[in-house]
Amino acid sequence: MRLAFSTRRKSEGLTYDVVAERSGIARRTVQRLENGEREGNIKTWFHLANAVGIDLPRLSKSLYEIPIDAANRDETK
Protein backbone atom coordinates (compact mmCIF):
# COMPACT_ATOMS: atom_id res chain seq x y z
CA MET A 1 0.00 0.00 0.00
CA ARG A 2 2.87 2.33 0.76
CA LEU A 3 4.19 2.02 -2.80
CA ALA A 4 0.80 2.90 -4.25
CA PHE A 5 0.61 5.84 -1.86
CA SER A 6 4.11 7.01 -2.79
CA THR A 7 3.40 6.74 -6.51
CA ARG A 8 0.16 8.69 -6.15
CA ARG A 9 1.72 11.39 -3.96
CA LYS A 10 4.54 11.93 -6.43
CA SER A 11 2.29 11.84 -9.51
CA GLU A 12 0.11 14.52 -7.93
CA GLY A 13 3.20 16.59 -7.11
CA LEU A 14 2.39 16.64 -3.41
CA THR A 15 5.06 17.28 -0.82
CA TYR A 16 5.13 15.64 2.59
CA ASP A 17 4.12 18.99 4.06
CA VAL A 18 1.00 19.20 1.91
CA VAL A 19 0.00 15.61 2.69
CA ALA A 20 0.59 16.22 6.39
CA GLU A 21 -1.57 19.33 6.34
CA ARG A 22 -4.38 17.64 4.40
CA SER A 23 -4.36 14.45 6.45
CA GLY A 24 -3.67 15.82 9.92
CA ILE A 25 -0.77 13.38 10.25
CA ALA A 26 2.69 14.62 11.19
CA ARG A 27 5.09 15.10 8.28
CA ARG A 28 7.69 12.75 9.75
CA THR A 29 5.04 10.06 10.27
CA VAL A 30 3.99 10.37 6.62
CA GLN A 31 7.63 9.93 5.60
CA ARG A 32 8.09 6.91 7.84
CA LEU A 33 4.95 5.24 6.56
CA GLU A 34 5.89 5.84 2.95
CA ASN A 35 9.42 4.55 3.51
CA GLY A 36 8.21 1.45 5.35
CA GLU A 37 9.76 2.45 8.66
CA ARG A 38 6.33 2.28 10.31
CA GLU A 39 3.07 0.50 9.69
CA GLY A 40 -0.09 2.51 9.82
CA ASN A 41 -3.51 1.44 10.97
CA ILE A 42 -6.56 1.58 8.74
CA LYS A 43 -7.59 5.02 10.02
CA THR A 44 -4.16 6.47 9.22
CA TRP A 45 -4.17 5.05 5.68
CA PHE A 46 -7.73 6.32 5.20
CA HIS A 47 -6.60 9.87 5.94
CA LEU A 48 -3.48 9.53 3.78
CA ALA A 49 -5.48 8.15 0.87
CA ASN A 50 -7.88 11.07 1.06
CA ALA A 51 -4.98 13.51 1.27
CA VAL A 52 -3.63 12.32 -2.09
CA GLY A 53 -7.06 12.18 -3.71
CA ILE A 54 -7.70 8.45 -3.83
CA ASP A 55 -10.09 6.25 -1.89
CA LEU A 56 -8.82 3.61 0.51
CA PRO A 57 -10.14 0.58 -1.41
CA ARG A 58 -8.28 1.73 -4.52
CA LEU A 59 -5.12 2.39 -2.54
CA SER A 60 -5.29 -0.99 -0.81
CA LYS A 61 -5.99 -2.80 -4.08
CA SER A 62 -2.23 -2.98 -4.59
CA LEU A 63 -2.06 -5.41 -1.66
CA TYR A 64 -4.05 -7.99 -3.60
CA GLU A 65 -2.72 -7.61 -7.13
CA ILE A 66 -0.42 -10.24 -8.56
CA PRO A 67 2.74 -8.79 -10.08
CA ILE A 68 2.74 -9.03 -13.87
CA ASP A 69 5.88 -11.15 -14.01
CA ALA A 70 4.40 -13.66 -11.54
CA ALA A 71 1.17 -13.87 -13.55
CA ASN A 72 3.14 -14.49 -16.74
CA ARG A 73 5.08 -17.35 -15.11
CA ASP A 74 1.82 -19.06 -14.18
CA GLU A 75 0.51 -18.81 -17.75
CA THR A 76 3.53 -20.60 -19.18
CA LYS A 77 3.03 -23.73 -17.04
PDB file of N, CA and C in Angstrom:
ATOM      1  N   MET A   1       0.830  -1.181   0.000  1.00  0.00           N
ATOM      2  CA  MET A   1       0.000   0.000   0.000  1.00  0.00           C
ATOM      3  C   MET A   1       0.877   1.248   0.000  1.00  0.00           C
ATOM      4  N   ARG A   2       2.007   1.155   0.682  1.00  0.00           N
ATOM      5  CA  ARG A   2       2.874   2.326   0.762  1.00  0.00           C
ATOM      6  C   ARG A   2       3.423   2.710  -0.600  1.00  0.00           C
ATOM      7  N   LEU A   3       3.677   1.713  -1.468  1.00  0.00           N
ATOM      8  CA  LEU A   3       4.192   2.017  -2.800  1.00  0.00           C
ATOM      9  C   LEU A   3       3.128   2.706  -3.651  1.00  0.00           C
ATOM     10  N   ALA A   4       1.896   2.254  -3.533  1.00  0.00           N
ATOM     11  CA  ALA A   4       0.800   2.899  -4.253  1.00  0.00           C
ATOM     12  C   ALA A   4       0.613   4.334  -3.748  1.00  0.00           C
ATOM     13  N   PHE A   5       0.723   4.509  -2.449  1.00  0.00           N
ATOM     14  CA  PHE A   5       0.615   5.844  -1.863  1.00  0.00           C
ATOM     15  C   PHE A   5       1.736   6.743  -2.374  1.00  0.00           C
ATOM     16  N   SER A   6       2.954   6.237  -2.351  1.00  0.00           N
ATOM     17  CA  SER A   6       4.110   7.013  -2.788  1.00  0.00           C
ATOM     18  C   SER A   6       3.980   7.419  -4.255  1.00  0.00           C
ATOM     19  N   THR A   7       3.579   6.464  -5.081  1.00  0.00           N
ATOM     20  CA  THR A   7       3.397   6.745  -6.508  1.00  0.00           C
ATOM     21  C   THR A   7       2.350   7.822  -6.721  1.00  0.00           C
ATOM     22  N   ARG A   8       1.246   7.706  -6.011  1.00  0.00           N
ATOM     23  CA  ARG A   8       0.159   8.688  -6.150  1.00  0.00           C
ATOM     24  C   ARG A   8       0.599  10.061  -5.654  1.00  0.00           C
ATOM     25  N   ARG A   9       1.268  10.109  -4.513  1.00  0.00           N
ATOM     26  CA  ARG A   9       1.725  11.390  -3.960  1.00  0.00           C
ATOM     27  C   ARG A   9       2.644  12.093  -4.949  1.00  0.00           C
ATOM     28  N   LYS A  10       3.578  11.351  -5.495  1.00  0.00           N
ATOM     29  CA  LYS A  10       4.540  11.934  -6.431  1.00  0.00           C
ATOM     30  C   LYS A  10       3.874  12.337  -7.747  1.00  0.00           C
ATOM     31  N   SER A  11       2.963  11.508  -8.244  1.00  0.00           N
ATOM     32  CA  SER A  11       2.292  11.843  -9.508  1.00  0.00           C
ATOM     33  C   SER A  11       1.419  13.085  -9.381  1.00  0.00           C
ATOM     34  N   GLU A  12       0.918  13.329  -8.182  1.00  0.00           N
ATOM     35  CA  GLU A  12       0.112  14.524  -7.932  1.00  0.00           C
ATOM     36  C   GLU A  12       0.979  15.733  -7.584  1.00  0.00           C
ATOM     37  N   GLY A  13       2.284  15.502  -7.442  1.00  0.00           N
ATOM     38  CA  GLY A  13       3.197  16.595  -7.110  1.00  0.00           C
ATOM     39  C   GLY A  13       3.032  17.117  -5.695  1.00  0.00           C
ATOM     40  N   LEU A  14       2.641  16.229  -4.783  1.00  0.00           N
ATOM     41  CA  LEU A  14       2.387  16.639  -3.406  1.00  0.00           C
ATOM     42  C   LEU A  14       3.620  16.414  -2.535  1.00  0.00           C
ATOM     43  N   THR A  15       3.953  17.410  -1.759  1.00  0.00           N
ATOM     44  CA  THR A  15       5.064  17.280  -0.819  1.00  0.00           C
ATOM     45  C   THR A  15       4.563  16.625   0.460  1.00  0.00           C
ATOM     46  N   TYR A  16       5.500  16.195   1.287  1.00  0.00           N
ATOM     47  CA  TYR A  16       5.129  15.641   2.590  1.00  0.00           C
ATOM     48  C   TYR A  16       4.383  16.682   3.412  1.00  0.00           C
ATOM     49  N   ASP A  17       4.789  17.931   3.304  1.00  0.00           N
ATOM     50  CA  ASP A  17       4.124  18.994   4.062  1.00  0.00           C
ATOM     51  C   ASP A  17       2.657  19.130   3.674  1.00  0.00           C
ATOM     52  N   VAL A  18       2.380  19.080   2.382  1.00  0.00           N
ATOM     53  CA  VAL A  18       0.998  19.201   1.913  1.00  0.00           C
ATOM     54  C   VAL A  18       0.171  18.008   2.380  1.00  0.00           C
ATOM     55  N   VAL A  19       0.721  16.807   2.249  1.00  0.00           N
ATOM     56  CA  VAL A  19       0.004  15.611   2.688  1.00  0.00           C
ATOM     57  C   VAL A  19      -0.243  15.666   4.197  1.00  0.00           C
ATOM     58  N   ALA A  20       0.750  16.103   4.937  1.00  0.00           N
ATOM     59  CA  ALA A  20       0.595  16.219   6.392  1.00  0.00           C
ATOM     60  C   ALA A  20      -0.520  17.195   6.741  1.00  0.00           C
ATOM     61  N   GLU A  21      -0.548  18.322   6.068  1.00  0.00           N
ATOM     62  CA  GLU A  21      -1.575  19.326   6.340  1.00  0.00           C
ATOM     63  C   GLU A  21      -2.963  18.798   5.988  1.00  0.00           C
ATOM     64  N   ARG A  22      -3.086  18.157   4.838  1.00  0.00           N
ATOM     65  CA  ARG A  22      -4.385  17.644   4.400  1.00  0.00           C
ATOM     66  C   ARG A  22      -4.884  16.487   5.263  1.00  0.00           C
ATOM     67  N   SER A  23      -3.965  15.665   5.728  1.00  0.00           N
ATOM     68  CA  SER A  23      -4.360  14.453   6.455  1.00  0.00           C
ATOM     69  C   SER A  23      -4.432  14.631   7.965  1.00  0.00           C
ATOM     70  N   GLY A  24      -3.739  15.646   8.470  1.00  0.00           N
ATOM     71  CA  GLY A  24      -3.672  15.817   9.919  1.00  0.00           C
ATOM     72  C   GLY A  24      -2.671  14.884  10.574  1.00  0.00           C
ATOM     73  N   ILE A  25      -1.800  14.296   9.759  1.00  0.00           N
ATOM     74  CA  ILE A  25      -0.769  13.377  10.252  1.00  0.00           C
ATOM     75  C   ILE A  25       0.578  14.083  10.142  1.00  0.00           C
ATOM     76  N   ALA A  26       1.398  13.930  11.162  1.00  0.00           N
ATOM     77  CA  ALA A  26       2.694  14.617  11.188  1.00  0.00           C
ATOM     78  C   ALA A  26       3.533  14.269   9.962  1.00  0.00           C
ATOM     79  N   ARG A  27       4.250  15.258   9.468  1.00  0.00           N
ATOM     80  CA  ARG A  27       5.091  15.102   8.283  1.00  0.00           C
ATOM     81  C   ARG A  27       6.047  13.921   8.419  1.00  0.00           C
ATOM     82  N   ARG A  28       6.720  13.826   9.537  1.00  0.00           N
ATOM     83  CA  ARG A  28       7.691  12.747   9.748  1.00  0.00           C
ATOM     84  C   ARG A  28       7.004  11.380   9.761  1.00  0.00           C
ATOM     85  N   THR A  29       5.800  11.312  10.279  1.00  0.00           N
ATOM     86  CA  THR A  29       5.043  10.064  10.268  1.00  0.00           C
ATOM     87  C   THR A  29       4.692   9.672   8.840  1.00  0.00           C
ATOM     88  N   VAL A  30       4.285  10.637   8.036  1.00  0.00           N
ATOM     89  CA  VAL A  30       3.991  10.372   6.620  1.00  0.00           C
ATOM     90  C   VAL A  30       5.233   9.804   5.940  1.00  0.00           C
ATOM     91  N   GLN A  31       6.372  10.410   6.180  1.00  0.00           N
ATOM     92  CA  GLN A  31       7.627   9.928   5.595  1.00  0.00           C
ATOM     93  C   GLN A  31       7.931   8.498   6.041  1.00  0.00           C
ATOM     94  N   ARG A  32       7.786   8.247   7.305  1.00  0.00           N
ATOM     95  CA  ARG A  32       8.094   6.912   7.843  1.00  0.00           C
ATOM     96  C   ARG A  32       7.154   5.839   7.289  1.00  0.00           C
ATOM     97  N   LEU A  33       5.905   6.180   7.136  1.00  0.00           N
ATOM     98  CA  LEU A  33       4.945   5.238   6.563  1.00  0.00           C
ATOM     99  C   LEU A  33       5.277   4.958   5.104  1.00  0.00           C
ATOM    100  N   GLU A  34       5.563   6.003   4.368  1.00  0.00           N
ATOM    101  CA  GLU A  34       5.889   5.841   2.950  1.00  0.00           C
ATOM    102  C   GLU A  34       7.173   5.044   2.754  1.00  0.00           C
ATOM    103  N   ASN A  35       8.131   5.240   3.627  1.00  0.00           N
ATOM    104  CA  ASN A  35       9.417   4.547   3.513  1.00  0.00           C
ATOM    105  C   ASN A  35       9.415   3.167   4.147  1.00  0.00           C
ATOM    106  N   GLY A  36       8.308   2.768   4.752  1.00  0.00           N
ATOM    107  CA  GLY A  36       8.208   1.450   5.349  1.00  0.00           C
ATOM    108  C   GLY A  36       8.845   1.332   6.720  1.00  0.00           C
ATOM    109  N   GLU A  37       9.166   2.461   7.325  1.00  0.00           N
ATOM    110  CA  GLU A  37       9.759   2.448   8.660  1.00  0.00           C
ATOM    111  C   GLU A  37       8.714   2.241   9.746  1.00  0.00           C
ATOM    112  N   ARG A  38       7.451   2.479   9.383  1.00  0.00           N
ATOM    113  CA  ARG A  38       6.330   2.277  10.309  1.00  0.00           C
ATOM    114  C   ARG A  38       5.180   1.667   9.543  1.00  0.00           C
ATOM    115  N   GLU A  39       4.304   1.010  10.271  1.00  0.00           N
ATOM    116  CA  GLU A  39       3.070   0.502   9.690  1.00  0.00           C
ATOM    117  C   GLU A  39       1.926   1.336  10.235  1.00  0.00           C
ATOM    118  N   GLY A  40       1.042   1.720   9.375  1.00  0.00           N
ATOM    119  CA  GLY A  40      -0.091   2.514   9.821  1.00  0.00           C
ATOM    120  C   GLY A  40      -1.329   1.660  10.005  1.00  0.00           C
ATOM    121  N   ASN A  41      -2.233   2.134  10.821  1.00  0.00           N
ATOM    122  CA  ASN A  41      -3.511   1.439  10.967  1.00  0.00           C
ATOM    123  C   ASN A  41      -4.466   1.898   9.868  1.00  0.00           C
ATOM    124  N   ILE A  42      -5.612   1.298   9.804  1.00  0.00           N
ATOM    125  CA  ILE A  42      -6.562   1.583   8.735  1.00  0.00           C
ATOM    126  C   ILE A  42      -7.018   3.044   8.740  1.00  0.00           C
ATOM    127  N   LYS A  43      -7.167   3.613   9.916  1.00  0.00           N
ATOM    128  CA  LYS A  43      -7.589   5.015  10.025  1.00  0.00           C
ATOM    129  C   LYS A  43      -6.518   5.946   9.447  1.00  0.00           C
ATOM    130  N   THR A  44      -5.266   5.661   9.739  1.00  0.00           N
ATOM    131  CA  THR A  44      -4.162   6.469   9.218  1.00  0.00           C
ATOM    132  C   THR A  44      -4.127   6.410   7.700  1.00  0.00           C
ATOM    133  N   TRP A  45      -4.213   5.203   7.138  1.00  0.00           N
ATOM    134  CA  TRP A  45      -4.175   5.051   5.678  1.00  0.00           C
ATOM    135  C   TRP A  45      -5.392   5.677   5.022  1.00  0.00           C
ATOM    136  N   PHE A  46      -6.526   5.658   5.713  1.00  0.00           N
ATOM    137  CA  PHE A  46      -7.729   6.324   5.200  1.00  0.00           C
ATOM    138  C   PHE A  46      -7.463   7.814   5.009  1.00  0.00           C
ATOM    139  N   HIS A  47      -6.885   8.441   6.011  1.00  0.00           N
ATOM    140  CA  HIS A  47      -6.597   9.872   5.936  1.00  0.00           C
ATOM    141  C   HIS A  47      -5.521  10.178   4.882  1.00  0.00           C
ATOM    142  N   LEU A  48      -4.532   9.318   4.786  1.00  0.00           N
ATOM    143  CA  LEU A  48      -3.484   9.526   3.781  1.00  0.00           C
ATOM    144  C   LEU A  48      -4.035   9.359   2.369  1.00  0.00           C
ATOM    145  N   ALA A  49      -4.871   8.362   2.184  1.00  0.00           N
ATOM    146  CA  ALA A  49      -5.478   8.150   0.867  1.00  0.00           C
ATOM    147  C   ALA A  49      -6.285   9.377   0.453  1.00  0.00           C
ATOM    148  N   ASN A  50      -7.090   9.870   1.360  1.00  0.00           N
ATOM    149  CA  ASN A  50      -7.884  11.069   1.064  1.00  0.00           C
ATOM    150  C   ASN A  50      -6.996  12.273   0.765  1.00  0.00           C
ATOM    151  N   ALA A  51      -5.883  12.369   1.454  1.00  0.00           N
ATOM    152  CA  ALA A  51      -4.981  13.509   1.273  1.00  0.00           C
ATOM    153  C   ALA A  51      -4.361  13.539  -0.124  1.00  0.00           C
ATOM    154  N   VAL A  52      -4.207  12.365  -0.734  1.00  0.00           N
ATOM    155  CA  VAL A  52      -3.630  12.318  -2.086  1.00  0.00           C
ATOM    156  C   VAL A  52      -4.701  12.121  -3.158  1.00  0.00           C
ATOM    157  N   GLY A  53      -5.962  12.197  -2.750  1.00  0.00           N
ATOM    158  CA  GLY A  53      -7.063  12.176  -3.708  1.00  0.00           C
ATOM    159  C   GLY A  53      -7.429  10.807  -4.251  1.00  0.00           C
ATOM    160  N   ILE A  54      -7.338   9.798  -3.421  1.00  0.00           N
ATOM    161  CA  ILE A  54      -7.697   8.446  -3.827  1.00  0.00           C
ATOM    162  C   ILE A  54      -8.469   7.816  -2.678  1.00  0.00           C
ATOM    163  N   ASP A  55      -9.373   6.882  -2.995  1.00  0.00           N
ATOM    164  CA  ASP A  55     -10.092   6.250  -1.892  1.00  0.00           C
ATOM    165  C   ASP A  55      -9.300   5.051  -1.370  1.00  0.00           C
ATOM    166  N   LEU A  56      -9.573   4.683  -0.150  1.00  0.00           N
ATOM    167  CA  LEU A  56      -8.817   3.614   0.507  1.00  0.00           C
ATOM    168  C   LEU A  56      -8.911   2.274  -0.216  1.00  0.00           C
ATOM    169  N   PRO A  57     -10.094   1.861  -0.691  1.00  0.00           N
ATOM    170  CA  PRO A  57     -10.136   0.578  -1.410  1.00  0.00           C
ATOM    171  C   PRO A  57      -9.215   0.557  -2.636  1.00  0.00           C
ATOM    172  N   ARG A  58      -9.159   1.663  -3.340  1.00  0.00           N
ATOM    173  CA  ARG A  58      -8.282   1.730  -4.520  1.00  0.00           C
ATOM    174  C   ARG A  58      -6.814   1.697  -4.096  1.00  0.00           C
ATOM    175  N   LEU A  59      -6.487   2.388  -3.031  1.00  0.00           N
ATOM    176  CA  LEU A  59      -5.116   2.390  -2.537  1.00  0.00           C
ATOM    177  C   LEU A  59      -4.718   1.001  -2.046  1.00  0.00           C
ATOM    178  N   SER A  60      -5.611   0.333  -1.357  1.00  0.00           N
ATOM    179  CA  SER A  60      -5.288  -0.989  -0.812  1.00  0.00           C
ATOM    180  C   SER A  60      -5.360  -2.091  -1.852  1.00  0.00           C
ATOM    181  N   LYS A  61      -5.908  -1.811  -3.010  1.00  0.00           N
ATOM    182  CA  LYS A  61      -5.986  -2.801  -4.084  1.00  0.00           C
ATOM    183  C   LYS A  61      -4.608  -3.360  -4.420  1.00  0.00           C
ATOM    184  N   SER A  62      -3.595  -2.538  -4.278  1.00  0.00           N
ATOM    185  CA  SER A  62      -2.234  -2.976  -4.593  1.00  0.00           C
ATOM    186  C   SER A  62      -1.785  -4.133  -3.708  1.00  0.00           C
ATOM    187  N   LEU A  63      -2.407  -4.305  -2.555  1.00  0.00           N
ATOM    188  CA  LEU A  63      -2.061  -5.415  -1.664  1.00  0.00           C
ATOM    189  C   LEU A  63      -2.473  -6.764  -2.230  1.00  0.00           C
ATOM    190  N   TYR A  64      -3.467  -6.745  -3.122  1.00  0.00           N
ATOM    191  CA  TYR A  64      -4.055  -7.988  -3.602  1.00  0.00           C
ATOM    192  C   TYR A  64      -3.742  -8.289  -5.062  1.00  0.00           C
ATOM    193  N   GLU A  65      -3.046  -7.392  -5.733  1.00  0.00           N
ATOM    194  CA  GLU A  65      -2.722  -7.612  -7.131  1.00  0.00           C
ATOM    195  C   GLU A  65      -1.509  -8.524  -7.268  1.00  0.00           C
ATOM    196  N   ILE A  66      -1.546  -9.365  -8.262  1.00  0.00           N
ATOM    197  CA  ILE A  66      -0.423 -10.243  -8.556  1.00  0.00           C
ATOM    198  C   ILE A  66       0.522  -9.495  -9.491  1.00  0.00           C
ATOM    199  N   PRO A  67       1.795  -9.456  -9.176  1.00  0.00           N
ATOM    200  CA  PRO A  67       2.737  -8.786 -10.080  1.00  0.00           C
ATOM    201  C   PRO A  67       2.674  -9.403 -11.477  1.00  0.00           C
ATOM    202  N   ILE A  68       2.847  -8.586 -12.485  1.00  0.00           N
ATOM    203  CA  ILE A  68       2.736  -9.028 -13.870  1.00  0.00           C
ATOM    204  C   ILE A  68       3.693 -10.179 -14.168  1.00  0.00           C
ATOM    205  N   ASP A  69       4.929 -10.087 -13.704  1.00  0.00           N
ATOM    206  CA  ASP A  69       5.884 -11.147 -14.007  1.00  0.00           C
ATOM    207  C   ASP A  69       5.467 -12.471 -13.368  1.00  0.00           C
ATOM    208  N   ALA A  70       4.860 -12.433 -12.191  1.00  0.00           N
ATOM    209  CA  ALA A  70       4.395 -13.660 -11.542  1.00  0.00           C
ATOM    210  C   ALA A  70       3.209 -14.243 -12.301  1.00  0.00           C
ATOM    211  N   ALA A  71       2.329 -13.400 -12.785  1.00  0.00           N
ATOM    212  CA  ALA A  71       1.173 -13.870 -13.546  1.00  0.00           C
ATOM    213  C   ALA A  71       1.644 -14.510 -14.853  1.00  0.00           C
ATOM    214  N   ASN A  72       2.621 -13.943 -15.492  1.00  0.00           N
ATOM    215  CA  ASN A  72       3.145 -14.495 -16.740  1.00  0.00           C
ATOM    216  C   ASN A  72       3.780 -15.853 -16.523  1.00  0.00           C
ATOM    217  N   ARG A  73       4.462 -16.050 -15.413  1.00  0.00           N
ATOM    218  CA  ARG A  73       5.084 -17.348 -15.113  1.00  0.00           C
ATOM    219  C   ARG A  73       4.019 -18.426 -14.983  1.00  0.00           C
ATOM    220  N   ASP A  74       2.883 -18.091 -14.362  1.00  0.00           N
ATOM    221  CA  ASP A  74       1.816 -19.065 -14.179  1.00  0.00           C
ATOM    222  C   ASP A  74       1.185 -19.457 -15.510  1.00  0.00           C
ATOM    223  N   GLU A  75       1.124 -18.530 -16.454  1.00  0.00           N
ATOM    224  CA  GLU A  75       0.507 -18.806 -17.745  1.00  0.00           C
ATOM    225  C   GLU A  75       1.343 -19.745 -18.590  1.00  0.00           C
ATOM    226  N   THR A  76       2.645 -19.778 -18.359  1.00  0.00           N
ATOM    227  CA  THR A  76       3.525 -20.597 -19.181  1.00  0.00           C
ATOM    228  C   THR A  76       3.598 -22.042 -18.703  1.00  0.00           C
ATOM    229  N   LYS A  77       2.997 -22.358 -17.582  1.00  0.00           N
ATOM    230  CA  LYS A  77       3.034 -23.732 -17.042  1.00  0.00           C
ATOM    231  C   LYS A  77       2.000 -24.611 -17.685  1.00  0.00           C
TER     232      LYS A  77
END
